Each structure stands twice: as C-alpha cells, then as structure tokens.
C-alpha cells in the first residue's frame, strides 16, 4: 500500500513546517488528491491515523478534496 508511504511523507513535511513555526500539535490536515494521481483517498484516510501515531499529528483529522490532474498537495494544516 503506497498510501502509507505517502502519509509518512506528508507527515514529515507537516512536522518540518511545525518545527519552523515553533512547534505545537497538528489537529487537522487538508490535502488535494489528483484524480489521476494513483492515490486511493480512502486508503490514504485509513493509513493516516496509523502513520500519525506517536507524532505531533496523532489524533488529527484528515480531509481531502479531489482535483483534476496527477498531484497530491498538502494544502493546509491546523496547529494548536
């Protein structure tokens, strides 16, 4: 399941941004998932809480929006 690997990459990017901005806890992540990206959004959503366990994103919600194209984009994250 390559969605788990993608989740780990997304979380790494989110944690890097969090570190640059002074830390905190990630409570919400928003993604854009290209319809031709080869990513199964349901599998991504299933993998996210497992991959987030033990990270600043543990317990965070994940929302995705389908978009045209092939890209997977970390659009936003909410931090407390």
PDB file of N, CA and C in Angstrom:
ATOM      1  N   UNK A   1       0.848  -1.175   0.000  1.00  0.00           N
ATOM      2  CA  UNK A   1       0.000   0.000   0.000  1.00  0.00           C
ATOM      3  C   UNK A   1       0.893   1.237   0.000  1.00  0.00           C
ATOM      4  N   UNK A   2       0.989   1.909  -1.121  1.00  0.00           N
ATOM      5  CA  UNK A   2       1.860   3.070  -1.182  1.00  0.00           C
ATOM      6  C   UNK A   2       1.252   4.276  -0.484  1.00  0.00           C
ATOM      7  N   UNK A   3      -0.035   4.225  -0.131  1.00  0.00           N
ATOM      8  CA  UNK A   3      -0.658   5.333   0.585  1.00  0.00           C
ATOM      9  C   UNK A   3      -0.026   5.528   1.964  1.00  0.00           C
ATOM     10  N   UNK A   4       0.391   4.446   2.623  1.00  0.00           N
ATOM     11  CA  UNK A   4       1.059   4.575   3.919  1.00  0.00           C
ATOM     12  C   UNK A   4       2.380   5.312   3.756  1.00  0.00           C
ATOM     13  N   UNK A   5       3.113   4.998   2.722  1.00  0.00           N
ATOM     14  CA  UNK A   5       4.373   5.691   2.460  1.00  0.00           C
ATOM     15  C   UNK A   5       4.104   7.177   2.172  1.00  0.00           C
ATOM     16  N   UNK A   6       3.028   7.455   1.436  1.00  0.00           N
ATOM     17  CA  UNK A   6       2.658   8.847   1.162  1.00  0.00           C
ATOM     18  C   UNK A   6       2.281   9.571   2.449  1.00  0.00           C
ATOM     19  N   UNK A   7       1.548   8.901   3.330  1.00  0.00           N
ATOM     20  CA  UNK A   7       1.195   9.501   4.616  1.00  0.00           C
ATOM     21  C   UNK A   7       2.441   9.868   5.413  1.00  0.00           C
ATOM     22  N   UNK A   8       3.406   8.981   5.423  1.00  0.00           N
ATOM     23  CA  UNK A   8       4.648   9.263   6.147  1.00  0.00           C
ATOM     24  C   UNK A   8       5.350  10.483   5.562  1.00  0.00           C
ATOM     25  N   UNK A   9       5.345  10.616   4.248  1.00  0.00           N
ATOM     26  CA  UNK A   9       5.952  11.791   3.599  1.00  0.00           C
ATOM     27  C   UNK A   9       5.188  13.063   3.935  1.00  0.00           C
ATOM     28  N   UNK A  10       3.872  12.994   3.908  1.00  0.00           N
ATOM     29  CA  UNK A  10       3.039  14.149   4.251  1.00  0.00           C
ATOM     30  C   UNK A  10       3.296  14.562   5.697  1.00  0.00           C
ATOM     31  N   UNK A  11       3.345  13.598   6.589  1.00  0.00           N
ATOM     32  CA  UNK A  11       3.597  13.905   7.992  1.00  0.00           C
ATOM     33  C   UNK A  11       4.980  14.494   8.203  1.00  0.00           C
ATOM     34  N   UNK A  12       5.950  14.018   7.462  1.00  0.00           N
ATOM     35  CA  UNK A  12       7.301  14.574   7.573  1.00  0.00           C
ATOM     36  C   UNK A  12       7.299  16.042   7.150  1.00  0.00           C
ATOM     37  N   UNK A  13       6.631  16.358   6.044  1.00  0.00           N
ATOM     38  CA  UNK A  13       6.524  17.756   5.598  1.00  0.00           C
ATOM     39  C   UNK A  13       5.801  18.610   6.634  1.00  0.00           C
ATOM     40  N   UNK A  14       4.728  18.081   7.186  1.00  0.00           N
ATOM     41  CA  UNK A  14       3.968  18.820   8.186  1.00  0.00           C
ATOM     42  C   UNK A  14       4.808  19.065   9.438  1.00  0.00           C
ATOM     43  N   UNK A  15       5.560  18.066   9.868  1.00  0.00           N
ATOM     44  CA  UNK A  15       6.401  18.217  11.051  1.00  0.00           C
ATOM     45  C   UNK A  15       7.534  19.213  10.812  1.00  0.00           C
ATOM     46  N   UNK A  16       8.080  19.241   9.607  1.00  0.00           N
ATOM     47  CA  UNK A  16       9.121  20.221   9.282  1.00  0.00           C
ATOM     48  C   UNK A  16       8.558  21.635   9.354  1.00  0.00           C
ATOM     49  N   UNK A  17       7.365  21.832   8.821  1.00  0.00           N
ATOM     50  CA  UNK A  17       6.716  23.143   8.886  1.00  0.00           C
ATOM     51  C   UNK A  17       6.412  23.510  10.334  1.00  0.00           C
ATOM     52  N   UNK A  18       5.965  22.555  11.104  1.00  0.00           N
ATOM     53  CA  UNK A  18       5.672  22.774  12.509  1.00  0.00           C
ATOM     54  C   UNK A  18       6.924  23.205  13.260  1.00  0.00           C
ATOM     55  N   UNK A  19       8.043  22.552  13.014  1.00  0.00           N
ATOM     56  CA  UNK A  19       9.302  22.891  13.669  1.00  0.00           C
ATOM     57  C   UNK A  19       9.758  24.302  13.308  1.00  0.00           C
ATOM     58  N   UNK A  20       9.599  24.667  12.030  1.00  0.00           N
ATOM     59  CA  UNK A  20       9.981  26.028  11.600  1.00  0.00           C
ATOM     60  C   UNK A  20       9.137  27.098  12.270  1.00  0.00           C
ATOM     61  N   UNK A  21       7.877  26.747  12.557  1.00  0.00           N
ATOM     62  CA  UNK A  21       6.949  27.723  13.129  1.00  0.00           C
ATOM     63  C   UNK A  21       6.876  27.677  14.651  1.00  0.00           C
ATOM     64  N   UNK A  22       7.747  26.918  15.278  1.00  0.00           N
ATOM     65  CA  UNK A  22       7.827  26.930  16.728  1.00  0.00           C
ATOM     66  C   UNK A  22       7.123  25.803  17.455  1.00  0.00           C
ATOM     67  N   UNK A  23       6.689  24.793  16.750  1.00  0.00           N
ATOM     68  CA  UNK A  23       6.110  23.627  17.403  1.00  0.00           C
ATOM     69  C   UNK A  23       4.618  23.712  17.586  1.00  0.00           C
ATOM     70  N   UNK A  24       4.110  22.793  18.363  1.00  0.00           N
ATOM     71  CA  UNK A  24       2.676  22.690  18.590  1.00  0.00           C
ATOM     72  C   UNK A  24       2.186  21.300  18.241  1.00  0.00           C
ATOM     73  N   UNK A  25       0.882  21.204  18.063  1.00  0.00           N
ATOM     74  CA  UNK A  25       0.257  19.929  17.728  1.00  0.00           C
ATOM     75  C   UNK A  25      -0.594  20.130  16.489  1.00  0.00           C
ATOM     76  N   UNK A  26      -0.480  19.221  15.550  1.00  0.00           N
ATOM     77  CA  UNK A  26      -1.264  19.275  14.323  1.00  0.00           C
ATOM     78  C   UNK A  26      -2.629  18.669  14.619  1.00  0.00           C
ATOM     79  N   UNK A  27      -3.698  19.431  14.352  1.00  0.00           N
ATOM     80  CA  UNK A  27      -5.041  18.922  14.642  1.00  0.00           C
ATOM     81  C   UNK A  27      -5.856  18.638  13.384  1.00  0.00           C
ATOM     82  N   UNK A  28      -5.434  19.183  12.251  1.00  0.00           N
ATOM     83  CA  UNK A  28      -6.178  18.974  11.012  1.00  0.00           C
ATOM     84  C   UNK A  28      -5.235  19.117   9.822  1.00  0.00           C
ATOM     85  N   UNK A  29      -5.375  18.244   8.849  1.00  0.00           N
ATOM     86  CA  UNK A  29      -4.571  18.274   7.630  1.00  0.00           C
ATOM     87  C   UNK A  29      -5.523  18.259   6.438  1.00  0.00           C
ATOM     88  N   UNK A  30      -5.262  19.136   5.467  1.00  0.00           N
ATOM     89  CA  UNK A  30      -6.068  19.184   4.250  1.00  0.00           C
ATOM     90  C   UNK A  30      -5.196  18.880   3.044  1.00  0.00           C
ATOM     91  N   UNK A  31      -5.691  17.979   2.205  1.00  0.00           N
ATOM     92  CA  UNK A  31      -4.976  17.562   1.003  1.00  0.00           C
ATOM     93  C   UNK A  31      -5.837  17.779  -0.235  1.00  0.00           C
ATOM     94  N   UNK A  32      -5.169  17.948  -1.344  1.00  0.00           N
ATOM     95  CA  UNK A  32      -5.807  17.868  -2.648  1.00  0.00           C
ATOM     96  C   UNK A  32      -5.260  16.612  -3.314  1.00  0.00           C
ATOM     97  N   UNK A  33      -6.149  15.749  -3.768  1.00  0.00           N
ATOM     98  CA  UNK A  33      -5.751  14.479  -4.370  1.00  0.00           C
ATOM     99  C   UNK A  33      -6.178  14.485  -5.832  1.00  0.00           C
ATOM    100  N   UNK A  34      -5.203  14.496  -6.723  1.00  0.00           N
ATOM    101  CA  UNK A  34      -5.496  14.471  -8.147  1.00  0.00           C
ATOM    102  C   UNK A  34      -6.199  13.190  -8.559  1.00  0.00           C
ATOM    103  N   UNK A  35      -7.201  13.347  -9.396  1.00  0.00           N
ATOM    104  CA  UNK A  35      -7.972  12.187  -9.849  1.00  0.00           C
ATOM    105  C   UNK A  35      -7.117  11.166 -10.590  1.00  0.00           C
ATOM    106  N   UNK A  36      -6.003  11.610 -11.151  1.00  0.00           N
ATOM    107  CA  UNK A  36      -5.109  10.718 -11.900  1.00  0.00           C
ATOM    108  C   UNK A  36      -3.763  10.538 -11.188  1.00  0.00           C
ATOM    109  N   UNK A  37      -3.760  10.730  -9.878  1.00  0.00           N
ATOM    110  CA  UNK A  37      -2.518  10.626  -9.105  1.00  0.00           C
ATOM    111  C   UNK A  37      -2.158   9.186  -8.761  1.00  0.00           C
ATOM    112  N   UNK A  38      -3.117   8.290  -8.890  1.00  0.00           N
ATOM    113  CA  UNK A  38      -2.870   6.909  -8.494  1.00  0.00           C
ATOM    114  C   UNK A  38      -3.039   6.697  -7.005  1.00  0.00           C
ATOM    115  N   UNK A  39      -3.539   7.721  -6.297  1.00  0.00           N
ATOM    116  CA  UNK A  39      -3.740   7.638  -4.855  1.00  0.00           C
ATOM    117  C   UNK A  39      -5.208   7.314  -4.589  1.00  0.00           C
ATOM    118  N   UNK A  40      -5.443   6.333  -3.752  1.00  0.00           N
ATOM    119  CA  UNK A  40      -6.795   5.992  -3.328  1.00  0.00           C
ATOM    120  C   UNK A  40      -7.083   6.768  -2.043  1.00  0.00           C
ATOM    121  N   UNK A  41      -7.923   7.805  -2.117  1.00  0.00           N
ATOM    122  CA  UNK A  41      -8.168   8.632  -0.935  1.00  0.00           C
ATOM    123  C   UNK A  41      -8.644   7.838   0.288  1.00  0.00           C
ATOM    124  N   UNK A  42      -9.457   6.811   0.065  1.00  0.00           N
ATOM    125  CA  UNK A  42      -9.935   6.012   1.189  1.00  0.00           C
ATOM    126  C   UNK A  42      -8.781   5.271   1.871  1.00  0.00           C
ATOM    127  N   UNK A  43      -7.851   4.771   1.089  1.00  0.00           N
ATOM    128  CA  UNK A  43      -6.683   4.088   1.655  1.00  0.00           C
ATOM    129  C   UNK A  43      -5.777   5.083   2.374  1.00  0.00           C
ATOM    130  N   UNK A  44      -5.668   6.285   1.834  1.00  0.00           N
ATOM    131  CA  UNK A  44      -4.889   7.346   2.469  1.00  0.00           C
ATOM    132  C   UNK A  44      -5.504   7.687   3.828  1.00  0.00           C
ATOM    133  N   UNK A  45      -6.823   7.833   3.856  1.00  0.00           N
ATOM    134  CA  UNK A  45      -7.523   8.148   5.102  1.00  0.00           C
ATOM    135  C   UNK A  45      -7.379   7.024   6.124  1.00  0.00           C
ATOM    136  N   UNK A  46      -7.361   5.784   5.671  1.00  0.00           N
ATOM    137  CA  UNK A  46      -7.199   4.652   6.581  1.00  0.00           C
ATOM    138  C   UNK A  46      -5.772   4.583   7.134  1.00  0.00           C
ATOM    139  N   UNK A  47      -4.799   4.922   6.314  1.00  0.00           N
ATOM    140  CA  UNK A  47      -3.401   4.853   6.734  1.00  0.00           C
ATOM    141  C   UNK A  47      -3.001   6.018   7.632  1.00  0.00           C
ATOM    142  N   UNK A  48      -3.662   7.160   7.471  1.00  0.00           N
ATOM    143  CA  UNK A  48      -3.243   8.373   8.181  1.00  0.00           C
ATOM    144  C   UNK A  48      -3.183   8.209   9.698  1.00  0.00           C
ATOM    145  N   UNK A  49      -4.233   7.739  10.372  1.00  0.00           N
ATOM    146  CA  UNK A  49      -4.135   7.638  11.837  1.00  0.00           C
ATOM    147  C   UNK A  49      -3.073   6.654  12.305  1.00  0.00           C
ATOM    148  N   UNK A  50      -2.840   5.631  11.533  1.00  0.00           N
ATOM    149  CA  UNK A  50      -1.805   4.655  11.889  1.00  0.00           C
ATOM    150  C   UNK A  50      -0.427   5.296  11.780  1.00  0.00           C
ATOM    151  N   UNK A  51      -0.204   6.015  10.685  1.00  0.00           N
ATOM    152  CA  UNK A  51       1.093   6.668  10.465  1.00  0.00           C
ATOM    153  C   UNK A  51       1.321   7.834  11.423  1.00  0.00           C
ATOM    154  N   UNK A  52       0.234   8.475  11.851  1.00  0.00           N
ATOM    155  CA  UNK A  52       0.348   9.648  12.730  1.00  0.00           C
ATOM    156  C   UNK A  52       0.587   9.273  14.187  1.00  0.00           C
ATOM    157  N   UNK A  53       0.371   8.012  14.506  1.00  0.00           N
ATOM    158  CA  UNK A  53       0.545   7.573  15.890  1.00  0.00           C
ATOM    159  C   UNK A  53       1.949   7.901  16.383  1.00  0.00           C
ATOM    160  N   UNK A  54       2.017   8.563  17.547  1.00  0.00           N
ATOM    161  CA  UNK A  54       3.307   8.904  18.140  1.00  0.00           C
ATOM    162  C   UNK A  54       3.946  10.148  17.557  1.00  0.00           C
ATOM    163  N   UNK A  55       3.243  10.869  16.705  1.00  0.00           N
ATOM    164  CA  UNK A  55       3.761  12.102  16.099  1.00  0.00           C
ATOM    165  C   UNK A  55       2.933  13.288  16.592  1.00  0.00           C
ATOM    166  N   UNK A  56       3.352  14.518  16.279  1.00  0.00           N
ATOM    167  CA  UNK A  56       2.534  15.684  16.640  1.00  0.00           C
ATOM    168  C   UNK A  56       1.178  15.721  15.938  1.00  0.00           C
ATOM    169  N   UNK A  57       0.952  14.812  15.006  1.00  0.00           N
ATOM    170  CA  UNK A  57      -0.329  14.755  14.296  1.00  0.00           C
ATOM    171  C   UNK A  57      -1.235  13.640  14.815  1.00  0.00           C
ATOM    172  N   UNK A  58      -0.827  12.976  15.889  1.00  0.00           N
ATOM    173  CA  UNK A  58      -1.673  11.908  16.416  1.00  0.00           C
ATOM    174  C   UNK A  58      -3.031  12.482  16.810  1.00  0.00           C
ATOM    175  N   UNK A  59      -4.088  11.861  16.338  1.00  0.00           N
ATOM    176  CA  UNK A  59      -5.443  12.324  16.618  1.00  0.00           C
ATOM    177  C   UNK A  59      -5.955  13.390  15.655  1.00  0.00           C
ATOM    178  N   UNK A  60      -5.111  13.838  14.743  1.00  0.00           N
ATOM    179  CA  UNK A  60      -5.527  14.867  13.782  1.00  0.00           C
ATOM    180  C   UNK A  60      -6.545  14.311  12.800  1.00  0.00           C
ATOM    181  N   UNK A  61      -7.385  15.185  12.298  1.00  0.00           N
ATOM    182  CA  UNK A  61      -8.322  14.792  11.253  1.00  0.00           C
ATOM    183  C   UNK A  61      -7.670  15.033   9.898  1.00  0.00           C
ATOM    184  N   UNK A  62      -8.096  14.257   8.931  1.00  0.00           N
ATOM    185  CA  UNK A  62      -7.599  14.395   7.568  1.00  0.00           C
ATOM    186  C   UNK A  62      -8.786  14.642   6.656  1.00  0.00           C
ATOM    187  N   UNK A  63      -8.675  15.660   5.837  1.00  0.00           N
ATOM    188  CA  UNK A  63      -9.709  15.963   4.851  1.00  0.00           C
ATOM    189  C   UNK A  63      -9.026  16.037   3.495  1.00  0.00           C
ATOM    190  N   UNK A  64      -9.645  15.454   2.475  1.00  0.00           N
ATOM    191  CA  UNK A  64      -9.094  15.550   1.129  1.00  0.00           C
ATOM    192  C   UNK A  64     -10.165  16.033   0.186  1.00  0.00           C
ATOM    193  N   UNK A  65      -9.697  16.679  -0.853  1.00  0.00           N
ATOM    194  CA  UNK A  65     -10.588  17.177  -1.896  1.00  0.00           C
ATOM    195  C   UNK A  65     -10.054  16.664  -3.219  1.00  0.00           C
ATOM    196  N   UNK A  66     -10.923  16.035  -4.023  1.00  0.00           N
ATOM    197  CA  UNK A  66     -10.458  15.584  -5.335  1.00  0.00           C
ATOM    198  C   UNK A  66     -10.243  16.776  -6.257  1.00  0.00           C
ATOM    199  N   UNK A  67      -9.190  16.706  -7.043  1.00  0.00           N
ATOM    200  CA  UNK A  67      -8.891  17.747  -8.021  1.00  0.00           C
ATOM    201  C   UNK A  67      -8.504  17.076  -9.338  1.00  0.00           C
ATOM    202  N   UNK A  68      -8.614  17.818 -10.430  1.00  0.00           N
ATOM    203  CA  UNK A  68      -8.144  17.256 -11.696  1.00  0.00           C
ATOM    204  C   UNK A  68      -6.618  17.115 -11.661  1.00  0.00           C
ATOM    205  N   UNK A  69      -6.101  16.253 -12.432  1.00  0.00           N
ATOM    206  CA  UNK A  69      -4.646  16.135 -12.553  1.00  0.00           C
ATOM    207  C   UNK A  69      -4.071  14.964 -11.807  1.00  0.00           C
ATOM    208  N   UNK A  70      -2.741  15.048 -11.586  1.00  0.00           N
ATOM    209  CA  UNK A  70      -1.978  13.931 -11.027  1.00  0.00           C
ATOM    210  C   UNK A  70      -1.344  14.235  -9.682  1.00  0.00           C
ATOM    211  N   UNK A  71      -1.527  15.414  -9.157  1.00  0.00           N
ATOM    212  CA  UNK A  71      -0.772  15.819  -7.971  1.00  0.00           C
ATOM    213  C   UNK A  71      -1.462  15.479  -6.664  1.00  0.00           C
ATOM    214  N   UNK A  72      -0.652  15.293  -5.654  1.00  0.00           N
ATOM    215  CA  UNK A  72      -1.090  15.172  -4.272  1.00  0.00           C
ATOM    216  C   UNK A  72      -0.469  16.363  -3.562  1.00  0.00           C
ATOM    217  N   UNK A  73      -1.312  17.245  -3.014  1.00  0.00           N
ATOM    218  CA  UNK A  73      -0.828  18.504  -2.457  1.00  0.00           C
ATOM    219  C   UNK A  73      -1.254  18.625  -1.000  1.00  0.00           C
ATOM    220  N   UNK A  74      -0.294  18.934  -0.142  1.00  0.00           N
ATOM    221  CA  UNK A  74      -0.595  19.296   1.243  1.00  0.00           C
ATOM    222  C   UNK A  74      -1.043  20.747   1.198  1.00  0.00           C
ATOM    223  N   UNK A  75      -2.330  20.971   1.268  1.00  0.00           N
ATOM    224  CA  UNK A  75      -2.895  22.308   1.087  1.00  0.00           C
ATOM    225  C   UNK A  75      -2.827  23.139   2.366  1.00  0.00           C
ATOM    226  N   UNK A  76      -3.155  22.541   3.503  1.00  0.00           N
ATOM    227  CA  UNK A  76      -3.179  23.307   4.754  1.00  0.00           C
ATOM    228  C   UNK A  76      -3.111  22.363   5.929  1.00  0.00           C
ATOM    229  N   UNK A  77      -2.736  22.932   7.069  1.00  0.00           N
ATOM    230  CA  UNK A  77      -2.815  22.185   8.312  1.00  0.00           C
ATOM    231  C   UNK A  77      -3.147  23.172   9.425  1.00  0.00           C
ATOM    232  N   UNK A  78      -3.891  22.664  10.400  1.00  0.00           N
ATOM    233  CA  UNK A  78      -4.252  23.476  11.554  1.00  0.00           C
ATOM    234  C   UNK A  78      -3.423  23.008  12.727  1.00  0.00           C
ATOM    235  N   UNK A  79      -2.870  23.968  13.444  1.00  0.00           N
ATOM    236  CA  UNK A  79      -1.967  23.673  14.557  1.00  0.00           C
ATOM    237  C   UNK A  79      -2.468  24.374  15.817  1.00  0.00           C
ATOM    238  N   UNK A  80      -2.321  23.698  16.952  1.00  0.00           N
ATOM    239  CA  UNK A  80      -2.662  24.335  18.218  1.00  0.00           C
ATOM    240  C   UNK A  80      -1.425  24.438  19.078  1.00  0.00           C
TER     241      UNK A  80
END
